[in-house]
Protein backbone atom coordinates (compact mmCIF):
# COMPACT_ATOMS: atom_id res chain seq x y z
CA MET A 1 98.48 7.83 11.39
CA GLU A 2 96.43 9.44 14.20
CA GLN A 3 99.60 11.31 15.40
CA GLU A 4 100.08 12.79 11.98
CA THR A 5 96.43 13.94 11.91
CA VAL A 6 96.92 15.72 15.21
CA LYS A 7 99.97 17.44 13.83
CA LEU A 8 98.06 18.48 10.65
CA LEU A 9 95.19 19.90 12.71
CA ASN A 10 97.74 22.01 14.62
CA VAL A 11 99.05 23.34 11.36
CA LEU A 12 95.39 24.18 10.40
CA ARG A 13 94.93 26.05 13.56
CA ARG A 14 98.09 28.14 12.81
CA ILE A 15 96.91 28.73 9.29
CA ALA A 16 93.50 30.06 10.60
CA ARG A 17 95.39 32.28 13.01
CA ALA A 18 97.74 33.64 10.25
CA ALA A 19 94.81 34.24 7.91
CA GLY A 20 93.01 36.09 10.60
CA TYR A 21 96.05 38.22 11.20
CA ALA A 22 96.39 38.86 7.56
CA ALA A 23 92.79 39.86 7.23
CA TRP A 24 93.30 42.34 10.10
CA THR A 25 96.66 43.87 8.99
CA LYS A 26 96.05 43.72 5.22
CA PRO A 27 99.64 42.65 4.10
CA GLY A 28 100.67 41.93 0.56
CA PRO A 29 99.16 39.19 -1.50
CA ASP A 30 102.07 36.90 -0.90
CA ALA A 31 100.91 36.23 2.68
CA THR A 32 97.37 35.16 1.54
CA GLN A 33 98.86 33.05 -1.30
CA PHE A 34 101.15 31.23 1.32
CA CYS A 35 98.06 30.49 3.50
CA VAL A 36 96.16 29.17 0.51
CA ALA A 37 99.08 26.96 -0.54
CA GLN A 38 99.53 25.58 2.97
CA TYR A 39 95.79 24.94 3.40
CA ASN A 40 95.64 23.07 0.10
CA ARG A 41 98.68 20.89 1.05
CA VAL A 42 97.15 20.01 4.42
CA LEU A 43 93.80 19.24 2.84
CA ALA A 44 95.45 16.98 0.28
CA ARG A 45 97.23 15.06 2.98
CA LEU A 46 94.16 14.80 5.18
CA SER A 47 92.18 13.57 2.13
CA GLU A 48 94.76 10.80 1.78
CA LEU A 49 94.56 9.89 5.48
CA GLU A 50 90.74 10.17 5.74
CA PRO A 51 89.01 9.60 2.34
CA SER A 52 85.73 10.84 3.56
CA VAL A 53 87.06 14.44 3.67
CA LYS A 54 87.61 14.67 -0.10
CA PRO A 55 83.91 15.08 -1.17
CA LEU A 56 83.20 17.50 1.61
CA PHE A 57 86.06 20.06 1.31
CA THR A 58 87.50 21.54 -1.84
CA PRO A 59 90.86 23.23 -2.36
CA LEU A 60 90.94 27.05 -2.33
CA ASN A 61 91.62 29.32 -5.19
CA ASP A 62 94.84 31.37 -5.23
CA THR A 63 92.68 34.58 -5.10
CA ALA A 64 90.81 33.59 -1.92
CA SER A 65 90.66 36.33 0.65
CA PRO A 66 92.09 35.85 4.24
CA GLU A 67 88.56 35.71 5.59
CA VAL A 68 87.71 32.87 3.26
CA ILE A 69 90.90 31.02 4.21
CA ARG A 70 90.19 31.39 7.90
CA MET A 71 86.54 30.20 7.45
CA ALA A 72 87.61 27.18 5.39
CA THR A 73 90.32 26.12 7.94
CA ARG A 74 87.96 26.42 10.89
CA GLU A 75 85.32 24.30 9.11
CA LEU A 76 87.86 21.69 8.27
CA LEU A 77 88.98 21.82 11.90
CA ALA A 78 85.44 21.43 13.19
CA TYR A 79 85.06 18.21 11.10
CA PHE A 80 87.95 16.61 12.91
CA GLU A 81 87.55 18.15 16.38
CA ALA A 82 84.27 16.22 17.00
CA ASP A 83 86.45 13.04 17.15
CA GLU A 84 89.32 14.35 19.30
CA PRO A 85 89.52 13.89 23.09
CA GLU A 86 88.76 16.91 25.14
CA SER A 87 92.35 17.29 26.17
CA ILE A 88 93.51 17.85 22.60
CA ARG A 89 90.59 19.90 21.25
CA GLY A 90 91.01 23.51 20.05
CA PHE A 91 91.94 26.17 22.40
CA GLY A 92 91.12 24.22 25.79
CA ARG A 93 94.77 23.95 26.51
CA ALA A 94 95.45 27.62 26.31
CA TYR A 95 92.89 28.67 28.79
CA TYR A 96 93.75 26.22 31.51
CA ILE A 97 97.50 26.48 31.68
CA GLY A 98 98.50 29.07 34.21
CA CYS A 99 95.06 30.22 34.93
CA ARG A 100 94.81 30.59 38.67
CA PRO A 101 93.89 33.42 41.06
CA ARG A 102 96.82 35.76 41.46
CA LYS A 103 97.94 37.28 44.71
CA PRO A 104 97.13 40.97 44.62
CA ARG A 105 100.09 43.14 44.94
CA ILE A 106 98.14 46.18 45.88
CA LYS A 107 95.24 45.87 48.22
CA CYS A 108 92.20 47.82 47.16
CA VAL A 109 90.84 49.86 49.91
CA PRO A 110 87.50 51.79 49.50
CA ILE A 111 88.00 55.56 49.97
CA PRO A 112 85.01 57.61 50.95
CA ILE A 113 84.37 60.60 48.64
CA LYS A 114 82.44 63.55 50.01
CA TRP A 115 80.38 65.50 47.48
């Protein structure tokens, strides 16, 4: 059950990202309707797994804007991320993988400029 919750939270992160992209690029209404449908499905499943979610979060209307979809998914994520270990939470993994000082290819040398 916990593994399924982690997978559903990953889907919520992707929905939030897609809704943010949809808000930025202003695609057709089918993209926002897809995000709403996915959010509502994930919310329904999370409500089955965690009954305390049901009174706190409501399904979105089909006419919800991408900004509202993004806010709703982030709020639902925030509810669950308080319980997750630090290694799984949010964007923590993305910033630590591959982040190391790089060897400079070109050495920067100060050049004096005369006025």
